Amino acid sequence: MPTSRLSLISACTAALLLAAFGSAPARAQSNPGYFIPPAAQPARPAPAPRPQAQPRRPAAAQSVMPQNEPPGPIAGPGAGQGPEEQQGPPMQLQLPPAPELPAMAKGVAPPAAAIGVLGIPEIMRASTAAQQIEKTISERREKLNVDAQKEQLVWREMQQSLANERSKLNPEQIRAKEKELQDRITTAQRTFRDRNRIIQQAGQYGLAQIERMLVLVIRQVAESRSMNLVLHRAQVALNVNEFDITELVVEQLNKVLPTVALPADGVEPPMAAVTPPAAPGATPASAPAGAPASPPAAPAAPPARGAAPARR
């Protein structure tokens, strides 16, 4: 019996059990695989009576419980028990009577399913319009990075020049140069944030055109093959090649939409009228697969010596 189980019974009972079956563990170890009860063992002369020894308590129990108090359980309830023993019997719930279902009129059975399968990521990778968007957005993002790095070099040069000339300037001149540096940093950060936002909007504008045309093309291809159910390839565990219409969709999409109209660099795309807020619980539409990564955020300004932190 494990020590954690012995701690759940009284110390006096544990001492009596150990005194009555003291030789059982040794005999059980010498006979692996079975256990000889004390009644089946050869008779042995009764030992001389001796005073009962008080069981030793754990160190933690000796320092907490007084000596004249009867020993109680030390471990908390459920200690040393498995998950099944702690759970206990399953709960039996008495539910109210189930309501009766009203009768329903017989409806028209749906047609037999003619299934098609397609892969949206594969379509976006093979779309020439999506490739155009990715190339254009990457070029604008790289240009933004180059301009940001150049601006950061100007900030460092102005900061170093101010540190070198600080001893030759009076307090009013120092404050004027610090304000000039801070104003340039604030203006540049605002400019980079606006360019970052415009680049991201341009990518979304192009992807929205592909998404709109892709829905029409999928419907057109499905109708040409008499399909009334089209599933994503990732949702299908097994299908035959005749069900897959990915290549047909790519071919038709590149034919009707080889390129998309993107606004010029630095120009915001045309925005629609503001729509009312969505109802509570409504989930926003997710961006289509294959969308280009968002442009980098505006660069952080280097800390200027003696200058106030940049205002956001």
C-alpha atoms as a PDB file:
ATOM      1  CA  MET A   1       0.000   0.000   0.000  1.00  0.00           C
ATOM      2  CA  PRO A   2       1.566   3.358  -0.991  1.00  0.00           C
ATOM      3  CA  THR A   3       2.560   5.842   1.669  1.00  0.00           C
ATOM      4  CA  SER A   4      -0.041   8.368   0.454  1.00  0.00           C
ATOM      5  CA  ARG A   5      -2.781   5.769   1.101  1.00  0.00           C
ATOM      6  CA  LEU A   6      -1.428   5.040   4.624  1.00  0.00           C
ATOM      7  CA  SER A   7      -1.631   8.740   5.417  1.00  0.00           C
ATOM      8  CA  LEU A   8      -5.402   8.635   4.864  1.00  0.00           C
ATOM      9  CA  ILE A   9      -6.039   6.197   7.759  1.00  0.00           C
ATOM     10  CA  SER A  10      -5.237   6.749  11.392  1.00  0.00           C
ATOM     11  CA  ALA A  11      -1.724   6.174  12.626  1.00  0.00           C
ATOM     12  CA  CYS A  12      -2.881   3.641  15.222  1.00  0.00           C
ATOM     13  CA  THR A  13      -4.588   1.465  12.605  1.00  0.00           C
ATOM     14  CA  ALA A  14      -1.485   1.625  10.438  1.00  0.00           C
ATOM     15  CA  ALA A  15       0.647   0.417  13.340  1.00  0.00           C
ATOM     16  CA  LEU A  16      -1.683  -2.551  13.988  1.00  0.00           C
ATOM     17  CA  LEU A  17      -1.636  -3.537  10.327  1.00  0.00           C
ATOM     18  CA  LEU A  18       2.130  -3.379  10.176  1.00  0.00           C
ATOM     19  CA  ALA A  19       2.432  -5.475  13.352  1.00  0.00           C
ATOM     20  CA  ALA A  20      -0.018  -8.156  12.132  1.00  0.00           C
ATOM     21  CA  PHE A  21       1.385  -8.482   8.599  1.00  0.00           C
ATOM     22  CA  GLY A  22       4.978  -7.521   9.110  1.00  0.00           C
ATOM     23  CA  SER A  23       6.333 -10.640   7.351  1.00  0.00           C
ATOM     24  CA  ALA A  24       3.906 -10.511   4.403  1.00  0.00           C
ATOM     25  CA  PRO A  25       5.861  -8.087   2.199  1.00  0.00           C
ATOM     26  CA  ALA A  26       9.076 -10.074   2.537  1.00  0.00           C
ATOM     27  CA  ARG A  27       7.307 -13.353   1.694  1.00  0.00           C
ATOM     28  CA  ALA A  28       5.503 -11.747  -1.225  1.00  0.00           C
ATOM     29  CA  GLN A  29       8.809 -10.542  -2.583  1.00  0.00           C
ATOM     30  CA  SER A  30      10.343 -13.996  -2.318  1.00  0.00           C
ATOM     31  CA  ASN A  31       7.387 -15.443  -4.257  1.00  0.00           C
ATOM     32  CA  PRO A  32       6.837 -13.079  -7.196  1.00  0.00           C
ATOM     33  CA  GLY A  33       3.516 -13.312  -8.936  1.00  0.00           C
ATOM     34  CA  TYR A  34       1.355 -14.371  -5.960  1.00  0.00           C
ATOM     35  CA  PHE A  35       0.784 -13.606  -2.279  1.00  0.00           C
ATOM     36  CA  ILE A  36       0.528 -16.072   0.628  1.00  0.00           C
ATOM     37  CA  PRO A  37      -2.021 -14.882   3.201  1.00  0.00           C
ATOM     38  CA  PRO A  38      -1.075 -15.127   6.872  1.00  0.00           C
ATOM     39  CA  ALA A  39      -3.566 -18.011   7.483  1.00  0.00           C
ATOM     40  CA  ALA A  40      -1.703 -20.264   5.020  1.00  0.00           C
ATOM     41  CA  GLN A  41       1.717 -19.651   6.558  1.00  0.00           C
ATOM     42  CA  PRO A  42       3.252 -22.229   8.981  1.00  0.00           C
ATOM     43  CA  ALA A  43       2.370 -21.670  12.620  1.00  0.00           C
ATOM     44  CA  ARG A  44       4.946 -19.682  14.513  1.00  0.00           C
ATOM     45  CA  PRO A  45       5.270 -19.230  18.249  1.00  0.00           C
ATOM     46  CA  ALA A  46       3.507 -16.145  19.436  1.00  0.00           C
ATOM     47  CA  PRO A  47       6.012 -13.429  20.281  1.00  0.00           C
ATOM     48  CA  ALA A  48       6.126 -12.039  23.751  1.00  0.00           C
ATOM     49  CA  PRO A  49       3.843  -9.043  24.224  1.00  0.00           C
ATOM     50  CA  ARG A  50       5.607  -5.772  23.941  1.00  0.00           C
ATOM     51  CA  PRO A  51       4.433  -2.202  24.295  1.00  0.00           C
ATOM     52  CA  GLN A  52       2.903  -0.765  21.191  1.00  0.00           C
ATOM     53  CA  ALA A  53       5.194   1.713  19.461  1.00  0.00           C
ATOM     54  CA  GLN A  54       3.843   5.030  18.481  1.00  0.00           C
ATOM     55  CA  PRO A  55       4.001   5.509  14.700  1.00  0.00           C
ATOM     56  CA  ARG A  56       6.301   8.189  13.415  1.00  0.00           C
ATOM     57  CA  ARG A  57       4.621  11.138  11.892  1.00  0.00           C
ATOM     58  CA  PRO A  58       6.001  13.041   8.938  1.00  0.00           C
ATOM     59  CA  ALA A  59       8.122  16.054   9.785  1.00  0.00           C
ATOM     60  CA  ALA A  60       5.506  18.388   8.371  1.00  0.00           C
ATOM     61  CA  ALA A  61       2.797  16.859  10.602  1.00  0.00           C
ATOM     62  CA  GLN A  62       4.971  16.991  13.776  1.00  0.00           C
ATOM     63  CA  SER A  63       5.553  20.698  13.354  1.00  0.00           C
ATOM     64  CA  VAL A  64       1.874  21.501  12.769  1.00  0.00           C
ATOM     65  CA  MET A  65      -0.278  19.144  14.913  1.00  0.00           C
ATOM     66  CA  PRO A  66       0.067  18.994  18.743  1.00  0.00           C
ATOM     67  CA  GLN A  67       1.151  15.714  20.314  1.00  0.00           C
ATOM     68  CA  ASN A  68      -2.021  15.165  22.352  1.00  0.00           C
ATOM     69  CA  GLU A  69      -4.300  15.538  19.286  1.00  0.00           C
ATOM     70  CA  PRO A  70      -5.431  12.364  17.491  1.00  0.00           C
ATOM     71  CA  PRO A  71      -3.638  12.019  14.186  1.00  0.00           C
ATOM     72  CA  GLY A  72      -5.815  12.883  11.172  1.00  0.00           C
ATOM     73  CA  PRO A  73      -5.398  12.854   7.420  1.00  0.00           C
ATOM     74  CA  ILE A  74      -2.417  14.863   6.278  1.00  0.00           C
ATOM     75  CA  ALA A  75      -2.906  14.850   2.510  1.00  0.00           C
ATOM     76  CA  GLY A  76      -5.858  16.661   0.989  1.00  0.00           C
ATOM     77  CA  PRO A  77      -8.883  14.838  -0.363  1.00  0.00           C
ATOM     78  CA  GLY A  78      -8.167  12.970  -3.561  1.00  0.00           C
ATOM     79  CA  ALA A  79      -4.372  12.946  -2.969  1.00  0.00           C
ATOM     80  CA  GLY A  80      -2.693  10.017  -4.667  1.00  0.00           C
ATOM     81  CA  GLN A  81      -5.834   9.099  -6.573  1.00  0.00           C
ATOM     82  CA  GLY A  82      -6.141   8.868 -10.308  1.00  0.00           C
ATOM     83  CA  PRO A  83      -8.496  10.951 -12.458  1.00  0.00           C
ATOM     84  CA  GLU A  84     -11.060   8.130 -12.569  1.00  0.00           C
ATOM     85  CA  GLU A  85     -11.137   7.837  -8.754  1.00  0.00           C
ATOM     86  CA  GLN A  86     -11.508  11.596  -8.313  1.00  0.00           C
ATOM     87  CA  GLN A  87     -14.381  11.926 -10.772  1.00  0.00           C
ATOM     88  CA  GLY A  88     -16.665   9.432  -9.045  1.00  0.00           C
ATOM     89  CA  PRO A  89     -19.857   8.047 -10.567  1.00  0.00           C
ATOM     90  CA  PRO A  90     -21.395   9.913 -13.510  1.00  0.00           C
ATOM     91  CA  MET A  91     -24.023  12.490 -12.689  1.00  0.00           C
ATOM     92  CA  GLN A  92     -27.606  11.417 -13.392  1.00  0.00           C
ATOM     93  CA  LEU A  93     -29.683  14.397 -14.513  1.00  0.00           C
ATOM     94  CA  GLN A  94     -33.461  14.449 -14.436  1.00  0.00           C
ATOM     95  CA  LEU A  95     -34.426  16.440 -17.521  1.00  0.00           C
ATOM     96  CA  PRO A  96     -37.893  17.875 -18.156  1.00  0.00           C
ATOM     97  CA  PRO A  97     -40.042  16.161 -20.776  1.00  0.00           C
ATOM     98  CA  ALA A  98     -38.942  16.914 -24.315  1.00  0.00           C
ATOM     99  CA  PRO A  99     -41.351  19.057 -26.342  1.00  0.00           C
ATOM    100  CA  GLU A 100     -43.225  17.397 -29.154  1.00  0.00           C
ATOM    101  CA  LEU A 101     -42.095  18.288 -32.655  1.00  0.00           C
ATOM    102  CA  PRO A 102     -44.775  19.755 -34.880  1.00  0.00           C
ATOM    103  CA  ALA A 103     -45.516  18.021 -38.140  1.00  0.00           C
ATOM    104  CA  MET A 104     -43.810  19.311 -41.278  1.00  0.00           C
ATOM    105  CA  ALA A 105     -45.045  19.224 -44.833  1.00  0.00           C
ATOM    106  CA  LYS A 106     -43.126  17.128 -47.284  1.00  0.00           C
ATOM    107  CA  GLY A 107     -40.775  19.221 -49.402  1.00  0.00           C
ATOM    108  CA  VAL A 108     -39.045  18.721 -52.702  1.00  0.00           C
ATOM    109  CA  ALA A 109     -35.948  16.561 -52.495  1.00  0.00           C
ATOM    110  CA  PRO A 110     -32.688  18.278 -53.538  1.00  0.00           C
ATOM    111  CA  PRO A 111     -31.124  17.205 -56.807  1.00  0.00           C
ATOM    112  CA  ALA A 112     -28.371  14.671 -56.944  1.00  0.00           C
ATOM    113  CA  ALA A 113     -25.031  16.230 -56.060  1.00  0.00           C
ATOM    114  CA  ALA A 114     -22.630  16.920 -58.908  1.00  0.00           C
ATOM    115  CA  ILE A 115     -19.467  17.846 -57.035  1.00  0.00           C
ATOM    116  CA  GLY A 116     -16.523  19.961 -58.074  1.00  0.00           C
ATOM    117  CA  VAL A 117     -13.280  20.613 -56.195  1.00  0.00           C
ATOM    118  CA  LEU A 118     -10.850  23.514 -56.494  1.00  0.00           C
ATOM    119  CA  GLY A 119      -7.828  24.942 -54.677  1.00  0.00           C
ATOM    120  CA  ILE A 120      -7.956  28.692 -53.998  1.00  0.00           C
ATOM    121  CA  PRO A 121      -4.236  29.052 -53.055  1.00  0.00           C
ATOM    122  CA  GLU A 122      -3.235  27.359 -56.302  1.00  0.00           C
ATOM    123  CA  ILE A 123      -5.536  29.653 -58.275  1.00  0.00           C
ATOM    124  CA  MET A 124      -4.097  32.796 -56.653  1.00  0.00           C
ATOM    125  CA  ARG A 125      -0.521  31.680 -57.292  1.00  0.00           C
ATOM    126  CA  ALA A 126      -1.262  30.990 -60.964  1.00  0.00           C
ATOM    127  CA  SER A 127      -3.314  34.146 -61.508  1.00  0.00           C
ATOM    128  CA  THR A 128      -1.463  36.699 -63.643  1.00  0.00           C
ATOM    129  CA  ALA A 129      -3.405  39.507 -61.989  1.00  0.00           C
ATOM    130  CA  ALA A 130      -2.351  38.326 -58.521  1.00  0.00           C
ATOM    131  CA  GLN A 131       1.259  38.128 -59.710  1.00  0.00           C
ATOM    132  CA  GLN A 132       0.983  41.706 -60.966  1.00  0.00           C
ATOM    133  CA  ILE A 133      -0.316  42.875 -57.584  1.00  0.00           C
ATOM    134  CA  GLU A 134       2.454  41.094 -55.706  1.00  0.00           C
ATOM    135  CA  LYS A 135       5.152  42.571 -57.928  1.00  0.00           C
ATOM    136  CA  THR A 136       3.776  46.108 -57.743  1.00  0.00           C
ATOM    137  CA  ILE A 137       3.243  46.065 -53.995  1.00  0.00           C
ATOM    138  CA  SER A 138       6.722  44.604 -53.409  1.00  0.00           C
ATOM    139  CA  GLU A 139       8.316  47.387 -55.468  1.00  0.00           C
ATOM    140  CA  ARG A 140       6.436  50.097 -53.587  1.00  0.00           C
ATOM    141  CA  ARG A 141       7.262  48.519 -50.259  1.00  0.00           C
ATOM    142  CA  GLU A 142      10.963  48.340 -51.157  1.00  0.00           C
ATOM    143  CA  LYS A 143      10.915  51.999 -52.183  1.00  0.00           C
ATOM    144  CA  LEU A 144       9.319  52.883 -48.861  1.00  0.00           C
ATOM    145  CA  ASN A 145      12.065  51.015 -46.994  1.00  0.00           C
ATOM    146  CA  VAL A 146      14.806  52.834 -48.926  1.00  0.00           C
ATOM    147  CA  ASP A 147      13.256  56.233 -48.254  1.00  0.00           C
ATOM    148  CA  ALA A 148      12.839  55.403 -44.573  1.00  0.00           C
ATOM    149  CA  GLN A 149      16.477  54.408 -44.240  1.00  0.00           C
ATOM    150  CA  LYS A 150      17.603  57.627 -45.939  1.00  0.00           C
ATOM    151  CA  GLU A 151      15.448  59.690 -43.579  1.00  0.00           C
ATOM    152  CA  GLN A 152      16.872  57.916 -40.563  1.00  0.00           C
ATOM    153  CA  LEU A 153      20.404  58.825 -41.715  1.00  0.00           C
ATOM    154  CA  VAL A 154      19.360  62.490 -41.886  1.00  0.00           C
ATOM    155  CA  TRP A 155      17.989  62.267 -38.349  1.00  0.00           C
ATOM    156  CA  ARG A 156      21.258  60.845 -37.051  1.00  0.00           C
ATOM    157  CA  GLU A 157      23.314  63.522 -38.839  1.00  0.00           C
ATOM    158  CA  MET A 158      21.169  66.298 -37.378  1.00  0.00           C
ATOM    159  CA  GLN A 159      21.394  64.754 -33.944  1.00  0.00           C
ATOM    160  CA  GLN A 160      25.176  64.376 -34.163  1.00  0.00           C
ATOM    161  CA  SER A 161      25.573  67.949 -35.418  1.00  0.00           C
ATOM    162  CA  LEU A 162      23.514  69.223 -32.513  1.00  0.00           C
ATOM    163  CA  ALA A 163      25.634  67.266 -30.042  1.00  0.00           C
ATOM    164  CA  ASN A 164      28.867  68.677 -31.494  1.00  0.00           C
ATOM    165  CA  GLU A 165      27.640  72.287 -31.498  1.00  0.00           C
ATOM    166  CA  ARG A 166      25.878  72.199 -28.139  1.00  0.00           C
ATOM    167  CA  SER A 167      28.807  73.768 -26.288  1.00  0.00           C
ATOM    168  CA  LYS A 168      28.907  76.714 -28.753  1.00  0.00           C
ATOM    169  CA  LEU A 169      25.190  77.504 -28.664  1.00  0.00           C
ATOM    170  CA  ASN A 170      23.154  79.339 -26.109  1.00  0.00           C
ATOM    171  CA  PRO A 171      20.081  77.698 -24.552  1.00  0.00           C
ATOM    172  CA  GLU A 172      17.689  79.432 -26.956  1.00  0.00           C
ATOM    173  CA  GLN A 173      19.588  78.194 -30.010  1.00  0.00           C
ATOM    174  CA  ILE A 174      19.751  74.677 -28.580  1.00  0.00           C
ATOM    175  CA  ARG A 175      15.998  74.611 -28.056  1.00  0.00           C
ATOM    176  CA  ALA A 176      15.422  75.888 -31.605  1.00  0.00           C
ATOM    177  CA  LYS A 177      17.577  73.145 -33.152  1.00  0.00           C
ATOM    178  CA  GLU A 178      15.994  70.488 -30.981  1.00  0.00           C
ATOM    179  CA  LYS A 179      12.558  71.653 -32.083  1.00  0.00           C
ATOM    180  CA  GLU A 180      13.650  71.589 -35.713  1.00  0.00           C
ATOM    181  CA  LEU A 181      14.829  67.978 -35.371  1.00  0.00           C
ATOM    182  CA  GLN A 182      11.699  66.962 -33.523  1.00  0.00           C
ATOM    183  CA  ASP A 183       9.412  68.579 -36.113  1.00  0.00           C
ATOM    184  CA  ARG A 184      11.230  66.823 -38.947  1.00  0.00           C
ATOM    185  CA  ILE A 185      10.923  63.451 -37.196  1.00  0.00           C
ATOM    186  CA  THR A 186       7.226  63.952 -36.492  1.00  0.00           C
ATOM    187  CA  THR A 187       6.484  65.024 -40.065  1.00  0.00           C
ATOM    188  CA  ALA A 188       8.462  62.148 -41.586  1.00  0.00           C
ATOM    189  CA  GLN A 189       6.794  59.551 -39.385  1.00  0.00           C
ATOM    190  CA  ARG A 190       3.367  60.845 -40.356  1.00  0.00           C
ATOM    191  CA  THR A 191       4.351  60.713 -44.022  1.00  0.00           C
ATOM    192  CA  PHE A 192       5.634  57.142 -43.808  1.00  0.00           C
ATOM    193  CA  ARG A 193       2.496  56.017 -42.008  1.00  0.00           C
ATOM    194  CA  ASP A 194       0.345  57.512 -44.759  1.00  0.00           C
ATOM    195  CA  ARG A 195       2.415  55.867 -47.475  1.00  0.00           C
ATOM    196  CA  ASN A 196       2.253  52.569 -45.619  1.00  0.00           C
ATOM    197  CA  ARG A 197      -1.543  52.800 -45.431  1.00  0.00           C
ATOM    198  CA  ILE A 198      -1.898  53.732 -49.110  1.00  0.00           C
ATOM    199  CA  ILE A 199       0.268  50.793 -50.207  1.00  0.00           C
ATOM    200  CA  GLN A 200      -1.817  48.403 -48.152  1.00  0.00           C
ATOM    201  CA  GLN A 201      -5.055  49.828 -49.545  1.00  0.00           C
ATOM    202  CA  ALA A 202      -3.738  49.468 -53.092  1.00  0.00           C
ATOM    203  CA  GLY A 203      -3.095  45.768 -52.522  1.00  0.00           C
ATOM    204  CA  GLN A 204      -6.564  45.263 -51.075  1.00  0.00           C
ATOM    205  CA  TYR A 205      -8.079  47.163 -53.991  1.00  0.00           C
ATOM    206  CA  GLY A 206      -6.452  44.832 -56.510  1.00  0.00           C
ATOM    207  CA  LEU A 207      -7.326  41.666 -54.584  1.00  0.00           C
ATOM    208  CA  ALA A 208     -10.957  42.777 -54.322  1.00  0.00           C
ATOM    209  CA  GLN A 209     -11.117  42.876 -58.131  1.00  0.00           C
ATOM    210  CA  ILE A 210      -9.745  39.329 -58.347  1.00  0.00           C
ATOM    211  CA  GLU A 211     -12.116  38.061 -55.681  1.00  0.00           C
ATOM    212  CA  ARG A 212     -15.144  39.546 -57.455  1.00  0.00           C
ATOM    213  CA  MET A 213     -14.189  38.004 -60.793  1.00  0.00           C
ATOM    214  CA  LEU A 214     -13.196  34.682 -59.233  1.00  0.00           C
ATOM    215  CA  VAL A 215     -16.714  34.139 -57.870  1.00  0.00           C
ATOM    216  CA  LEU A 216     -18.175  34.678 -61.345  1.00  0.00           C
ATOM    217  CA  VAL A 217     -15.637  32.417 -63.020  1.00  0.00           C
ATOM    218  CA  ILE A 218     -16.202  29.564 -60.547  1.00  0.00           C
ATOM    219  CA  ARG A 219     -19.947  29.761 -61.156  1.00  0.00           C
ATOM    220  CA  GLN A 220     -19.404  29.811 -64.912  1.00  0.00           C
ATOM    221  CA  VAL A 221     -17.080  26.809 -64.906  1.00  0.00           C
ATOM    222  CA  ALA A 222     -19.370  24.855 -62.573  1.00  0.00           C
ATOM    223  CA  GLU A 223     -22.386  25.476 -64.796  1.00  0.00           C
ATOM    224  CA  SER A 224     -20.435  24.405 -67.870  1.00  0.00           C
ATOM    225  CA  ARG A 225     -19.771  21.053 -66.167  1.00  0.00           C
ATOM    226  CA  SER A 226     -23.295  20.741 -64.679  1.00  0.00           C
ATOM    227  CA  MET A 227     -21.902  20.944 -61.154  1.00  0.00           C
ATOM    228  CA  ASN A 228     -24.149  22.134 -58.343  1.00  0.00           C
ATOM    229  CA  LEU A 229     -21.694  21.793 -55.443  1.00  0.00           C
ATOM    230  CA  VAL A 230     -18.098  23.105 -55.390  1.00  0.00           C
ATOM    231  CA  LEU A 231     -15.841  22.430 -52.397  1.00  0.00           C
ATOM    232  CA  HIS A 232     -12.427  23.657 -51.350  1.00  0.00           C
ATOM    233  CA  ARG A 233      -9.742  21.077 -51.936  1.00  0.00           C
ATOM    234  CA  ALA A 234      -8.507  21.432 -48.342  1.00  0.00           C
ATOM    235  CA  GLN A 235     -11.903  20.216 -47.108  1.00  0.00           C
ATOM    236  CA  VAL A 236     -11.827  16.997 -49.146  1.00  0.00           C
ATOM    237  CA  ALA A 237      -9.884  13.959 -48.017  1.00  0.00           C
ATOM    238  CA  LEU A 238     -10.132  12.043 -51.297  1.00  0.00           C
ATOM    239  CA  ASN A 239     -11.373  12.867 -54.792  1.00  0.00           C
ATOM    240  CA  VAL A 240     -10.721  11.860 -58.362  1.00  0.00           C
ATOM    241  CA  ASN A 241      -9.114  14.187 -60.888  1.00  0.00           C
ATOM    242  CA  GLU A 242     -12.364  14.555 -62.840  1.00  0.00           C
ATOM    243  CA  PHE A 243     -13.847  16.502 -59.919  1.00  0.00           C
ATOM    244  CA  ASP A 244     -11.013  19.069 -59.833  1.00  0.00           C
ATOM    245  CA  ILE A 245     -11.726  22.269 -61.778  1.00  0.00           C
ATOM    246  CA  THR A 246      -8.750  24.311 -60.545  1.00  0.00           C
ATOM    247  CA  GLU A 247      -6.981  24.441 -63.901  1.00  0.00           C
ATOM    248  CA  LEU A 248     -10.178  25.383 -65.720  1.00  0.00           C
ATOM    249  CA  VAL A 249     -10.809  28.225 -63.300  1.00  0.00           C
ATOM    250  CA  VAL A 250      -7.218  29.496 -63.637  1.00  0.00           C
ATOM    251  CA  GLU A 251      -7.425  29.402 -67.424  1.00  0.00           C
ATOM    252  CA  GLN A 252     -10.717  31.286 -67.528  1.00  0.00           C
ATOM    253  CA  LEU A 253      -9.643  33.800 -64.853  1.00  0.00           C
ATOM    254  CA  ASN A 254      -6.438  34.697 -66.684  1.00  0.00           C
ATOM    255  CA  LYS A 255      -8.439  35.074 -69.881  1.00  0.00           C
ATOM    256  CA  VAL A 256     -11.045  37.501 -68.507  1.00  0.00           C
ATOM    257  CA  LEU A 257      -8.817  39.267 -65.943  1.00  0.00           C
ATOM    258  CA  PRO A 258      -5.131  39.188 -66.958  1.00  0.00           C
ATOM    259  CA  THR A 259      -4.376  42.396 -65.027  1.00  0.00           C
ATOM    260  CA  VAL A 260      -6.102  44.691 -62.547  1.00  0.00           C
ATOM    261  CA  ALA A 261      -6.280  48.453 -62.291  1.00  0.00           C
ATOM    262  CA  LEU A 262      -4.104  49.754 -59.456  1.00  0.00           C
ATOM    263  CA  PRO A 263      -3.859  53.411 -58.375  1.00  0.00           C
ATOM    264  CA  ALA A 264      -0.584  55.213 -58.927  1.00  0.00           C
ATOM    265  CA  ASP A 265       2.052  55.113 -56.225  1.00  0.00           C
ATOM    266  CA  GLY A 266       1.035  57.432 -53.410  1.00  0.00           C
ATOM    267  CA  VAL A 267      -2.559  57.779 -54.638  1.00  0.00           C
ATOM    268  CA  GLU A 268      -5.366  56.377 -52.532  1.00  0.00           C
ATOM    269  CA  PRO A 269      -7.804  54.006 -54.273  1.00  0.00           C
ATOM    270  CA  PRO A 270     -11.393  55.173 -54.755  1.00  0.00           C
ATOM    271  CA  MET A 271     -13.393  54.552 -51.619  1.00  0.00           C
ATOM    272  CA  ALA A 272     -17.046  53.541 -51.473  1.00  0.00           C
ATOM    273  CA  ALA A 273     -19.620  55.221 -49.298  1.00  0.00           C
ATOM    274  CA  VAL A 274     -19.354  54.535 -45.581  1.00  0.00           C
ATOM    275  CA  THR A 275     -21.507  51.549 -44.626  1.00  0.00           C
ATOM    276  CA  PRO A 276     -23.347  51.343 -41.286  1.00  0.00           C
ATOM    277  CA  PRO A 277     -21.661  49.315 -38.538  1.00  0.00           C
ATOM    278  CA  ALA A 278     -22.243  45.572 -38.602  1.00  0.00           C
ATOM    279  CA  ALA A 279     -24.725  43.988 -36.248  1.00  0.00           C
ATOM    280  CA  PRO A 280     -23.370  42.491 -32.985  1.00  0.00           C
ATOM    281  CA  GLY A 281     -21.991  39.016 -33.512  1.00  0.00           C
ATOM    282  CA  ALA A 282     -21.354  39.447 -37.236  1.00  0.00           C
ATOM    283  CA  THR A 283     -17.956  38.207 -38.439  1.00  0.00           C
ATOM    284  CA  PRO A 284     -15.953  40.453 -40.789  1.00  0.00           C
ATOM    285  CA  ALA A 285     -15.056  39.115 -44.217  1.00  0.00           C
ATOM    286  CA  SER A 286     -11.557  37.662 -44.310  1.00  0.00           C
ATOM    287  CA  ALA A 287      -9.004  38.578 -46.934  1.00  0.00           C
ATOM    288  CA  PRO A 288      -8.690  36.065 -49.787  1.00  0.00           C
ATOM    289  CA  ALA A 289      -5.873  33.588 -49.800  1.00  0.00           C
ATOM    290  CA  GLY A 290      -2.636  34.737 -51.406  1.00  0.00           C
ATOM    291  CA  ALA A 291      -2.928  38.356 -50.251  1.00  0.00           C
ATOM    292  CA  PRO A 292       0.434  40.170 -50.208  1.00  0.00           C
ATOM    293  CA  ALA A 293       2.004  40.918 -46.867  1.00  0.00           C
ATOM    294  CA  SER A 294       1.329  44.271 -45.244  1.00  0.00           C
ATOM    295  CA  PRO A 295       3.968  46.961 -45.796  1.00  0.00           C
ATOM    296  CA  PRO A 296       6.322  47.742 -42.933  1.00  0.00           C
ATOM    297  CA  ALA A 297       5.395  50.295 -40.328  1.00  0.00           C
ATOM    298  CA  ALA A 298       6.967  53.727 -40.150  1.00  0.00           C
ATOM    299  CA  PRO A 299      10.527  53.729 -38.786  1.00  0.00           C
ATOM    300  CA  ALA A 300      11.048  54.661 -35.181  1.00  0.00           C
ATOM    301  CA  ALA A 301      12.884  57.887 -34.513  1.00  0.00           C
ATOM    302  CA  PRO A 302      16.317  57.701 -32.856  1.00  0.00           C
ATOM    303  CA  PRO A 303      16.369  59.219 -29.357  1.00  0.00           C
ATOM    304  CA  ALA A 304      17.652  62.771 -29.551  1.00  0.00           C
ATOM    305  CA  ARG A 305      19.767  64.063 -26.715  1.00  0.00           C
ATOM    306  CA  GLY A 306      17.753  66.568 -24.770  1.00  0.00           C
ATOM    307  CA  ALA A 307      14.861  66.431 -27.263  1.00  0.00           C
ATOM    308  CA  ALA A 308      11.281  65.747 -26.242  1.00  0.00           C
ATOM    309  CA  PRO A 309       9.750  62.415 -27.286  1.00  0.00           C
ATOM    310  CA  ALA A 310       7.978  62.329 -30.647  1.00  0.00           C
ATOM    311  CA  ARG A 311       4.328  63.215 -30.526  1.00  0.00           C
ATOM    312  CA  ARG A 312       1.958  60.673 -31.992  1.00  0.00           C
END
